[in-house]
Amino acid sequence: MKRGAATRGKVAKLVSGAEAIEIKATIPQKQIRRALALYGLKIDPKEARLIYFFDTPDLALLKTGIVARARRVVGDEHDSTIKFRPVVPDKVGDRWRKYSGFKIEADASEKGVTLSASLTMPVEKGLIKRVAGGDKPIATLFTEEQQLFLLGMASRKIDYSKAVVLGPLLANRWKFEDPACPWPITAELWKREDGATLLEASIKAPVVQAAAATAGFMAFLAEVGAEQDTGQQAKTRWALDYYARKAKTARAPRTKTGKPAKPRRAAAPKAARPGKRT
């Protein structure tokens, strides 16, 4: 009994301040088709989502815990999100709680628990497509409130002039129930343009159920024969790594034949000039 109480106390402390906990697990590529068939999950183009990320080709934002994202949802509202992790909930200003798109969540997997804070705002239809096509600057997708939110979280603003469009990812999302799992299950399938797919299964539970939900969901996955991805690839990292490599290749200088040019010897650095931040 003492050991169980200590475990609950430890998990509760890790997620303290979060509004909910989301327990996630990725399913190996070889089991995706079986998992979809098992629950009758069919891909419907009418319910598809197109997800775009915005970062530098070397993922400078992601390396500092920042995620800038926009979503086009077929037949529904479009939105953009600024997310920062990890956060200490007690240090997040109360001013953001008045926004319906603000949330503090705890993401849990076998690798541990991470708390994040995010602010999502609606985006007018057509704008994301114009930004992705290069007709509008990336900065137009994010509001002044989102910039101030990030400034409060990470003490910095995003220099959108250095960011590129990474994506889109084609996503389908389902919610369903299984009698063996006390919590509703969400499955999200992401597909990159190279055809590679990633399936993530997750549940959300109140913070007070954090310990039970984490252990229970992992046990459920084992019971139904789901072999968790040993690499536990997060969807965002899996997507950004691919599109960042593509962005670097696109920017690399090329010869007349179209092949990447050999790197030149670096010249002596010049004196730095003051830059303008946006």
C-alpha atoms as a PDB file:
ATOM      1  CA  MET A   1       0.000   0.000   0.000  1.00  0.00           C
ATOM      2  CA  LYS A   2       2.779   2.425   0.845  1.00  0.00           C
ATOM      3  CA  ARG A   3       4.495   1.711  -2.429  1.00  0.00           C
ATOM      4  CA  GLY A   4       1.291   2.380  -4.404  1.00  0.00           C
ATOM      5  CA  ALA A   5       0.705   5.630  -2.561  1.00  0.00           C
ATOM      6  CA  ALA A   6       4.251   6.715  -3.300  1.00  0.00           C
ATOM      7  CA  THR A   7       3.763   5.974  -6.993  1.00  0.00           C
ATOM      8  CA  ARG A   8       0.570   8.008  -7.154  1.00  0.00           C
ATOM      9  CA  GLY A   9       2.256  10.842  -5.339  1.00  0.00           C
ATOM     10  CA  LYS A  10       5.184  10.821  -7.743  1.00  0.00           C
ATOM     11  CA  VAL A  11       3.020  10.895 -10.860  1.00  0.00           C
ATOM     12  CA  ALA A  12       0.699  13.497  -9.349  1.00  0.00           C
ATOM     13  CA  LYS A  13       3.677  15.725  -8.658  1.00  0.00           C
ATOM     14  CA  LEU A  14       4.918  15.406 -12.232  1.00  0.00           C
ATOM     15  CA  VAL A  15       1.588  16.521 -13.704  1.00  0.00           C
ATOM     16  CA  SER A  16       0.661  19.069 -11.058  1.00  0.00           C
ATOM     17  CA  GLY A  17      -0.903  22.152 -12.622  1.00  0.00           C
ATOM     18  CA  ALA A  18      -1.942  20.444 -15.865  1.00  0.00           C
ATOM     19  CA  GLU A  19      -5.611  20.405 -16.836  1.00  0.00           C
ATOM     20  CA  ALA A  20      -5.438  16.842 -18.146  1.00  0.00           C
ATOM     21  CA  ILE A  21      -2.964  14.112 -18.928  1.00  0.00           C
ATOM     22  CA  GLU A  22      -2.654  12.515 -22.344  1.00  0.00           C
ATOM     23  CA  ILE A  23      -0.996   9.113 -22.534  1.00  0.00           C
ATOM     24  CA  LYS A  24       0.423   8.336 -25.959  1.00  0.00           C
ATOM     25  CA  ALA A  25       1.923   5.339 -27.714  1.00  0.00           C
ATOM     26  CA  THR A  26       3.027   4.916 -31.313  1.00  0.00           C
ATOM     27  CA  ILE A  27       2.173   1.737 -33.202  1.00  0.00           C
ATOM     28  CA  PRO A  28       4.849   0.127 -35.428  1.00  0.00           C
ATOM     29  CA  GLN A  29       4.428   0.489 -39.183  1.00  0.00           C
ATOM     30  CA  LYS A  30       3.866  -3.258 -39.607  1.00  0.00           C
ATOM     31  CA  GLN A  31       0.826  -3.158 -37.299  1.00  0.00           C
ATOM     32  CA  ILE A  32      -0.947  -0.052 -38.589  1.00  0.00           C
ATOM     33  CA  ARG A  33      -3.153  -1.811 -41.134  1.00  0.00           C
ATOM     34  CA  ARG A  34      -4.162  -4.449 -38.590  1.00  0.00           C
ATOM     35  CA  ALA A  35      -4.954  -1.823 -35.956  1.00  0.00           C
ATOM     36  CA  LEU A  36      -7.185   0.148 -38.328  1.00  0.00           C
ATOM     37  CA  ALA A  37      -9.008  -2.997 -39.404  1.00  0.00           C
ATOM     38  CA  LEU A  38      -9.450  -4.201 -35.833  1.00  0.00           C
ATOM     39  CA  TYR A  39     -11.575  -1.165 -34.945  1.00  0.00           C
ATOM     40  CA  GLY A  40     -13.079  -0.539 -38.376  1.00  0.00           C
ATOM     41  CA  LEU A  41     -11.262   2.770 -38.828  1.00  0.00           C
ATOM     42  CA  LYS A  42     -11.546   3.959 -42.427  1.00  0.00           C
ATOM     43  CA  ILE A  43      -9.781   6.881 -44.029  1.00  0.00           C
ATOM     44  CA  ASP A  44     -12.346   9.441 -45.162  1.00  0.00           C
ATOM     45  CA  PRO A  45     -10.994  12.277 -47.374  1.00  0.00           C
ATOM     46  CA  LYS A  46     -13.962  14.419 -46.269  1.00  0.00           C
ATOM     47  CA  GLU A  47     -12.602  14.408 -42.700  1.00  0.00           C
ATOM     48  CA  ALA A  48      -8.930  14.880 -43.521  1.00  0.00           C
ATOM     49  CA  ARG A  49      -6.658  17.435 -41.917  1.00  0.00           C
ATOM     50  CA  LEU A  50      -3.629  19.110 -43.454  1.00  0.00           C
ATOM     51  CA  ILE A  51      -1.013  19.997 -40.863  1.00  0.00           C
ATOM     52  CA  TYR A  52       1.797  22.462 -41.489  1.00  0.00           C
ATOM     53  CA  PHE A  53       4.756  23.284 -39.261  1.00  0.00           C
ATOM     54  CA  PHE A  54       6.970  26.335 -39.385  1.00  0.00           C
ATOM     55  CA  ASP A  55      10.607  26.191 -38.360  1.00  0.00           C
ATOM     56  CA  THR A  56      14.086  26.803 -39.717  1.00  0.00           C
ATOM     57  CA  PRO A  57      15.700  24.057 -41.832  1.00  0.00           C
ATOM     58  CA  ASP A  58      17.896  23.166 -38.847  1.00  0.00           C
ATOM     59  CA  LEU A  59      14.840  23.079 -36.521  1.00  0.00           C
ATOM     60  CA  ALA A  60      16.073  25.907 -34.309  1.00  0.00           C
ATOM     61  CA  LEU A  61      12.607  26.412 -32.795  1.00  0.00           C
ATOM     62  CA  LEU A  62      12.004  22.756 -31.966  1.00  0.00           C
ATOM     63  CA  LYS A  63      15.400  22.541 -30.295  1.00  0.00           C
ATOM     64  CA  THR A  64      14.307  25.256 -27.860  1.00  0.00           C
ATOM     65  CA  GLY A  65      10.931  23.628 -27.155  1.00  0.00           C
ATOM     66  CA  ILE A  66       8.836  25.757 -29.525  1.00  0.00           C
ATOM     67  CA  VAL A  67       6.302  24.348 -31.982  1.00  0.00           C
ATOM     68  CA  ALA A  68       4.532  26.617 -34.477  1.00  0.00           C
ATOM     69  CA  ARG A  69       1.752  24.829 -36.344  1.00  0.00           C
ATOM     70  CA  ALA A  70      -1.292  25.460 -38.527  1.00  0.00           C
ATOM     71  CA  ARG A  71      -4.147  23.080 -39.417  1.00  0.00           C
ATOM     72  CA  ARG A  72      -6.552  23.024 -42.334  1.00  0.00           C
ATOM     73  CA  VAL A  73      -9.520  20.869 -41.420  1.00  0.00           C
ATOM     74  CA  VAL A  74     -11.818  19.853 -44.257  1.00  0.00           C
ATOM     75  CA  GLY A  75     -15.305  21.191 -43.570  1.00  0.00           C
ATOM     76  CA  ASP A  76     -14.318  22.788 -40.263  1.00  0.00           C
ATOM     77  CA  GLU A  77     -12.448  25.768 -38.809  1.00  0.00           C
ATOM     78  CA  HIS A  78      -8.773  26.295 -39.509  1.00  0.00           C
ATOM     79  CA  ASP A  79      -6.380  27.304 -36.740  1.00  0.00           C
ATOM     80  CA  SER A  80      -2.802  28.012 -35.734  1.00  0.00           C
ATOM     81  CA  THR A  81      -1.021  27.016 -32.544  1.00  0.00           C
ATOM     82  CA  ILE A  82       2.021  28.172 -30.634  1.00  0.00           C
ATOM     83  CA  LYS A  83       3.209  25.526 -28.188  1.00  0.00           C
ATOM     84  CA  PHE A  84       6.064  25.552 -25.698  1.00  0.00           C
ATOM     85  CA  ARG A  85       7.507  22.768 -23.562  1.00  0.00           C
ATOM     86  CA  PRO A  86       8.478  22.014 -20.931  1.00  0.00           C
ATOM     87  CA  VAL A  87       6.668  24.474 -18.663  1.00  0.00           C
ATOM     88  CA  VAL A  88       6.126  24.955 -14.958  1.00  0.00           C
ATOM     89  CA  PRO A  89       2.352  25.549 -14.628  1.00  0.00           C
ATOM     90  CA  ASP A  90       2.707  27.812 -11.591  1.00  0.00           C
ATOM     91  CA  LYS A  91       4.835  30.182 -13.673  1.00  0.00           C
ATOM     92  CA  VAL A  92       2.324  30.474 -16.517  1.00  0.00           C
ATOM     93  CA  GLY A  93       0.505  33.803 -16.326  1.00  0.00           C
ATOM     94  CA  ASP A  94      -3.210  33.773 -15.501  1.00  0.00           C
ATOM     95  CA  ARG A  95      -3.908  36.215 -18.332  1.00  0.00           C
ATOM     96  CA  TRP A  96      -3.864  33.377 -20.869  1.00  0.00           C
ATOM     97  CA  ARG A  97      -6.523  31.305 -19.138  1.00  0.00           C
ATOM     98  CA  LYS A  98      -9.275  33.562 -20.467  1.00  0.00           C
ATOM     99  CA  TYR A  99      -8.656  32.268 -24.002  1.00  0.00           C
ATOM    100  CA  SER A 100     -10.599  29.170 -25.008  1.00  0.00           C
ATOM    101  CA  GLY A 101      -7.632  28.032 -27.098  1.00  0.00           C
ATOM    102  CA  PHE A 102      -5.228  27.996 -24.148  1.00  0.00           C
ATOM    103  CA  LYS A 103      -4.355  24.778 -22.371  1.00  0.00           C
ATOM    104  CA  ILE A 104      -1.718  23.173 -20.196  1.00  0.00           C
ATOM    105  CA  GLU A 105      -1.351  19.461 -20.815  1.00  0.00           C
ATOM    106  CA  ALA A 106       0.827  16.636 -19.607  1.00  0.00           C
ATOM    107  CA  ASP A 107       1.979  14.277 -22.351  1.00  0.00           C
ATOM    108  CA  ALA A 108       2.992  10.875 -21.015  1.00  0.00           C
ATOM    109  CA  SER A 109       4.684   7.907 -22.627  1.00  0.00           C
ATOM    110  CA  GLU A 110       7.041   5.170 -21.500  1.00  0.00           C
ATOM    111  CA  LYS A 111       9.847   7.730 -21.799  1.00  0.00           C
ATOM    112  CA  GLY A 112       8.352  10.041 -19.185  1.00  0.00           C
ATOM    113  CA  VAL A 113       6.056  13.020 -18.723  1.00  0.00           C
ATOM    114  CA  THR A 114       6.362  16.472 -20.313  1.00  0.00           C
ATOM    115  CA  LEU A 115       4.175  19.480 -19.507  1.00  0.00           C
ATOM    116  CA  SER A 116       3.367  21.910 -22.280  1.00  0.00           C
ATOM    117  CA  ALA A 117       1.407  25.122 -22.680  1.00  0.00           C
ATOM    118  CA  SER A 118      -0.227  26.142 -25.946  1.00  0.00           C
ATOM    119  CA  LEU A 119      -2.381  28.881 -27.397  1.00  0.00           C
ATOM    120  CA  THR A 120      -4.551  28.132 -30.429  1.00  0.00           C
ATOM    121  CA  MET A 121      -6.308  30.811 -32.456  1.00  0.00           C
ATOM    122  CA  PRO A 122      -8.705  30.554 -35.425  1.00  0.00           C
ATOM    123  CA  VAL A 123      -7.375  31.327 -38.893  1.00  0.00           C
ATOM    124  CA  GLU A 124      -9.495  32.557 -41.776  1.00  0.00           C
ATOM    125  CA  LYS A 125     -10.115  29.953 -44.443  1.00  0.00           C
ATOM    126  CA  GLY A 126      -7.772  30.154 -47.404  1.00  0.00           C
ATOM    127  CA  LEU A 127      -4.978  31.904 -45.504  1.00  0.00           C
ATOM    128  CA  ILE A 128      -2.987  28.758 -44.664  1.00  0.00           C
ATOM    129  CA  LYS A 129      -3.092  27.693 -48.289  1.00  0.00           C
ATOM    130  CA  ARG A 130      -1.839  31.106 -49.430  1.00  0.00           C
ATOM    131  CA  VAL A 131       0.995  31.026 -46.892  1.00  0.00           C
ATOM    132  CA  ALA A 132       1.994  27.512 -47.968  1.00  0.00           C
ATOM    133  CA  GLY A 133       2.008  28.705 -51.574  1.00  0.00           C
ATOM    134  CA  GLY A 134       4.281  31.624 -50.753  1.00  0.00           C
ATOM    135  CA  ASP A 135       1.669  34.296 -51.409  1.00  0.00           C
ATOM    136  CA  LYS A 136       1.480  35.432 -47.787  1.00  0.00           C
ATOM    137  CA  PRO A 137       4.155  35.667 -45.078  1.00  0.00           C
ATOM    138  CA  ILE A 138       4.161  33.026 -42.325  1.00  0.00           C
ATOM    139  CA  ALA A 139       3.728  35.702 -39.668  1.00  0.00           C
ATOM    140  CA  THR A 140       0.166  36.399 -40.845  1.00  0.00           C
ATOM    141  CA  LEU A 141      -0.951  33.042 -39.401  1.00  0.00           C
ATOM    142  CA  PHE A 142      -0.128  33.999 -35.820  1.00  0.00           C
ATOM    143  CA  THR A 143      -1.762  36.712 -33.750  1.00  0.00           C
ATOM    144  CA  GLU A 144      -0.147  39.301 -31.536  1.00  0.00           C
ATOM    145  CA  GLU A 145      -1.529  37.391 -28.535  1.00  0.00           C
ATOM    146  CA  GLN A 146       0.326  34.267 -29.646  1.00  0.00           C
ATOM    147  CA  GLN A 147       3.553  36.227 -29.995  1.00  0.00           C
ATOM    148  CA  LEU A 148       3.135  37.700 -26.515  1.00  0.00           C
ATOM    149  CA  PHE A 149       2.263  34.260 -25.157  1.00  0.00           C
ATOM    150  CA  LEU A 150       5.517  32.828 -26.461  1.00  0.00           C
ATOM    151  CA  LEU A 151       7.422  35.835 -25.198  1.00  0.00           C
ATOM    152  CA  GLY A 152       6.068  35.122 -21.728  1.00  0.00           C
ATOM    153  CA  MET A 153       6.783  31.377 -21.965  1.00  0.00           C
ATOM    154  CA  ALA A 154      10.187  31.350 -23.648  1.00  0.00           C
ATOM    155  CA  SER A 155      11.304  34.996 -23.367  1.00  0.00           C
ATOM    156  CA  ARG A 156      11.644  35.237 -27.132  1.00  0.00           C
ATOM    157  CA  LYS A 157       9.771  35.961 -30.327  1.00  0.00           C
ATOM    158  CA  ILE A 158       9.831  33.978 -33.546  1.00  0.00           C
ATOM    159  CA  ASP A 159      11.776  35.460 -36.428  1.00  0.00           C
ATOM    160  CA  TYR A 160       9.430  34.278 -39.154  1.00  0.00           C
ATOM    161  CA  SER A 161      11.760  35.577 -41.878  1.00  0.00           C
ATOM    162  CA  LYS A 162      14.059  32.621 -41.095  1.00  0.00           C
ATOM    163  CA  ALA A 163      11.283  30.034 -40.968  1.00  0.00           C
ATOM    164  CA  VAL A 164      10.087  27.827 -43.802  1.00  0.00           C
ATOM    165  CA  VAL A 165       6.918  25.820 -44.386  1.00  0.00           C
ATOM    166  CA  LEU A 166       7.381  22.192 -43.333  1.00  0.00           C
ATOM    167  CA  GLY A 167       4.628  19.954 -44.620  1.00  0.00           C
ATOM    168  CA  PRO A 168       1.862  19.353 -45.118  1.00  0.00           C
ATOM    169  CA  LEU A 169       1.081  16.155 -43.262  1.00  0.00           C
ATOM    170  CA  LEU A 170      -2.165  14.439 -44.204  1.00  0.00           C
ATOM    171  CA  ALA A 171      -3.904  13.410 -41.003  1.00  0.00           C
ATOM    172  CA  ASN A 172      -6.972  11.382 -40.113  1.00  0.00           C
ATOM    173  CA  ARG A 173      -8.317  11.156 -36.591  1.00  0.00           C
ATOM    174  CA  TRP A 174     -10.784   8.792 -34.942  1.00  0.00           C
ATOM    175  CA  LYS A 175     -12.316   8.396 -31.501  1.00  0.00           C
ATOM    176  CA  PHE A 176     -13.665   5.052 -30.391  1.00  0.00           C
ATOM    177  CA  GLU A 177     -14.180   2.870 -27.350  1.00  0.00           C
ATOM    178  CA  ASP A 178     -13.115  -0.602 -26.317  1.00  0.00           C
ATOM    179  CA  PRO A 179     -14.791  -2.444 -23.423  1.00  0.00           C
ATOM    180  CA  ALA A 180     -11.352  -3.397 -22.119  1.00  0.00           C
ATOM    181  CA  CYS A 181     -10.236   0.245 -21.813  1.00  0.00           C
ATOM    182  CA  PRO A 182     -11.959   2.552 -19.272  1.00  0.00           C
ATOM    183  CA  TRP A 183     -11.066   5.659 -21.285  1.00  0.00           C
ATOM    184  CA  PRO A 184     -12.120   6.673 -24.834  1.00  0.00           C
ATOM    185  CA  ILE A 185      -9.297   6.081 -27.302  1.00  0.00           C
ATOM    186  CA  THR A 186      -8.074   8.500 -29.952  1.00  0.00           C
ATOM    187  CA  ALA A 187      -6.147   7.227 -32.954  1.00  0.00           C
ATOM    188  CA  GLU A 188      -4.373   9.632 -35.292  1.00  0.00           C
ATOM    189  CA  LEU A 189      -2.746   8.583 -38.541  1.00  0.00           C
ATOM    190  CA  TRP A 190      -0.208  10.919 -40.145  1.00  0.00           C
ATOM    191  CA  LYS A 191       1.052  10.495 -43.694  1.00  0.00           C
ATOM    192  CA  ARG A 192       4.055  12.284 -45.170  1.00  0.00           C
ATOM    193  CA  GLU A 193       4.400  13.074 -48.852  1.00  0.00           C
ATOM    194  CA  ASP A 194       6.909  10.210 -49.236  1.00  0.00           C
ATOM    195  CA  GLY A 195       4.131   7.795 -48.262  1.00  0.00           C
ATOM    196  CA  ALA A 196       5.466   6.960 -44.797  1.00  0.00           C
ATOM    197  CA  THR A 197       2.802   6.748 -42.094  1.00  0.00           C
ATOM    198  CA  LEU A 198       2.720   6.902 -38.310  1.00  0.00           C
ATOM    199  CA  LEU A 199      -0.156   5.867 -36.074  1.00  0.00           C
ATOM    200  CA  GLU A 200      -0.494   7.209 -32.556  1.00  0.00           C
ATOM    201  CA  ALA A 201      -2.968   5.860 -30.010  1.00  0.00           C
ATOM    202  CA  SER A 202      -3.783   7.958 -26.969  1.00  0.00           C
ATOM    203  CA  ILE A 203      -6.196   8.534 -24.121  1.00  0.00           C
ATOM    204  CA  LYS A 204      -6.958  11.595 -22.022  1.00  0.00           C
ATOM    205  CA  ALA A 205      -7.710  11.400 -18.336  1.00  0.00           C
ATOM    206  CA  PRO A 206      -8.116  13.760 -15.388  1.00  0.00           C
ATOM    207  CA  VAL A 207      -4.881  14.546 -13.574  1.00  0.00           C
ATOM    208  CA  VAL A 208      -6.087  12.682 -10.470  1.00  0.00           C
ATOM    209  CA  GLN A 209      -6.166   9.499 -12.581  1.00  0.00           C
ATOM    210  CA  ALA A 210      -2.671  10.013 -13.997  1.00  0.00           C
ATOM    211  CA  ALA A 211      -0.996   6.982 -12.415  1.00  0.00           C
ATOM    212  CA  ALA A 212      -3.892   4.601 -13.077  1.00  0.00           C
ATOM    213  CA  ALA A 213      -4.431   5.853 -16.619  1.00  0.00           C
ATOM    214  CA  THR A 214      -0.768   5.551 -17.598  1.00  0.00           C
ATOM    215  CA  ALA A 215      -0.396   2.019 -16.266  1.00  0.00           C
ATOM    216  CA  GLY A 216      -3.851   0.960 -17.433  1.00  0.00           C
ATOM    217  CA  PHE A 217      -3.467   2.155 -21.019  1.00  0.00           C
ATOM    218  CA  MET A 218      -0.068   0.515 -21.456  1.00  0.00           C
ATOM    219  CA  ALA A 219      -1.509  -2.719 -20.053  1.00  0.00           C
ATOM    220  CA  PHE A 220      -4.480  -2.467 -22.424  1.00  0.00           C
ATOM    221  CA  LEU A 221      -2.198  -2.083 -25.446  1.00  0.00           C
ATOM    222  CA  ALA A 222      -0.271  -5.168 -24.411  1.00  0.00           C
ATOM    223  CA  GLU A 223      -3.500  -7.095 -23.875  1.00  0.00           C
ATOM    224  CA  VAL A 224      -4.817  -6.406 -27.389  1.00  0.00           C
ATOM    225  CA  GLY A 225      -1.459  -7.346 -28.869  1.00  0.00           C
ATOM    226  CA  ALA A 226      -0.292  -3.874 -29.858  1.00  0.00           C
ATOM    227  CA  GLU A 227       3.470  -3.869 -30.110  1.00  0.00           C
ATOM    228  CA  GLN A 228       4.498  -0.362 -29.100  1.00  0.00           C
ATOM    229  CA  ASP A 229       7.103   1.364 -31.209  1.00  0.00           C
ATOM    230  CA  THR A 230      10.331   0.852 -29.268  1.00  0.00           C
ATOM    231  CA  GLY A 231      11.604   4.148 -30.649  1.00  0.00           C
ATOM    232  CA  GLN A 232       8.469   5.928 -29.406  1.00  0.00           C
ATOM    233  CA  GLN A 233       8.669   8.428 -32.240  1.00  0.00           C
ATOM    234  CA  ALA A 234       6.738  11.572 -31.443  1.00  0.00           C
ATOM    235  CA  LYS A 235       4.603  12.641 -34.403  1.00  0.00           C
ATOM    236  CA  THR A 236       6.052  16.137 -34.499  1.00  0.00           C
ATOM    237  CA  ARG A 237       9.691  15.004 -34.491  1.00  0.00           C
ATOM    238  CA  TRP A 238       8.965  12.280 -37.057  1.00  0.00           C
ATOM    239  CA  ALA A 239       7.382  14.837 -39.394  1.00  0.00           C
ATOM    240  CA  LEU A 240       9.815  17.697 -38.886  1.00  0.00           C
ATOM    241  CA  ASP A 241      12.949  15.600 -39.337  1.00  0.00           C
ATOM    242  CA  TYR A 242      11.783  14.570 -42.798  1.00  0.00           C
ATOM    243  CA  TYR A 243      10.622  17.987 -44.007  1.00  0.00           C
ATOM    244  CA  ALA A 244      13.658  19.735 -42.520  1.00  0.00           C
ATOM    245  CA  ARG A 245      15.971  17.460 -44.525  1.00  0.00           C
ATOM    246  CA  LYS A 246      13.948  18.271 -47.615  1.00  0.00           C
ATOM    247  CA  ALA A 247      14.211  22.018 -46.916  1.00  0.00           C
ATOM    248  CA  LYS A 248      17.988  21.770 -46.514  1.00  0.00           C
ATOM    249  CA  THR A 249      18.290  19.902 -49.805  1.00  0.00           C
ATOM    250  CA  ALA A 250      16.161  22.496 -51.580  1.00  0.00           C
ATOM    251  CA  ARG A 251      18.383  25.308 -50.300  1.00  0.00           C
ATOM    252  CA  ALA A 252      21.683  23.595 -51.120  1.00  0.00           C
ATOM    253  CA  PRO A 253      23.575  25.170 -54.051  1.00  0.00           C
ATOM    254  CA  ARG A 254      23.582  23.021 -57.185  1.00  0.00           C
ATOM    255  CA  THR A 255      25.745  22.594 -60.266  1.00  0.00           C
ATOM    256  CA  LYS A 256      24.490  23.033 -63.826  1.00  0.00           C
ATOM    257  CA  THR A 257      23.617  19.339 -63.918  1.00  0.00           C
ATOM    258  CA  GLY A 258      21.335  19.751 -60.892  1.00  0.00           C
ATOM    259  CA  LYS A 259      23.588  17.868 -58.500  1.00  0.00           C
ATOM    260  CA  PRO A 260      24.474  19.362 -55.084  1.00  0.00           C
ATOM    261  CA  ALA A 261      27.576  21.527 -55.376  1.00  0.00           C
ATOM    262  CA  LYS A 262      30.664  20.704 -53.352  1.00  0.00           C
ATOM    263  CA  PRO A 263      30.964  22.921 -50.278  1.00  0.00           C
ATOM    264  CA  ARG A 264      33.382  25.814 -50.597  1.00  0.00           C
ATOM    265  CA  ARG A 265      36.030  26.654 -48.061  1.00  0.00           C
ATOM    266  CA  ALA A 266      34.558  29.060 -45.548  1.00  0.00           C
ATOM    267  CA  ALA A 267      35.669  32.683 -45.882  1.00  0.00           C
ATOM    268  CA  ALA A 268      36.874  34.731 -42.948  1.00  0.00           C
ATOM    269  CA  PRO A 269      33.877  35.962 -40.950  1.00  0.00           C
ATOM    270  CA  LYS A 270      32.850  39.585 -41.356  1.00  0.00           C
ATOM    271  CA  ALA A 271      31.869  41.903 -38.551  1.00  0.00           C
ATOM    272  CA  ALA A 272      28.333  41.249 -37.430  1.00  0.00           C
ATOM    273  CA  ARG A 273      25.726  43.812 -38.392  1.00  0.00           C
ATOM    274  CA  PRO A 274      22.760  44.543 -36.162  1.00  0.00           C
ATOM    275  CA  GLY A 275      19.738  42.617 -37.409  1.00  0.00           C
ATOM    276  CA  LYS A 276      16.100  43.506 -37.215  1.00  0.00           C
ATOM    277  CA  ARG A 277      13.808  41.098 -35.363  1.00  0.00           C
ATOM    278  CA  THR A 278      10.222  40.582 -36.383  1.00  0.00           C
END
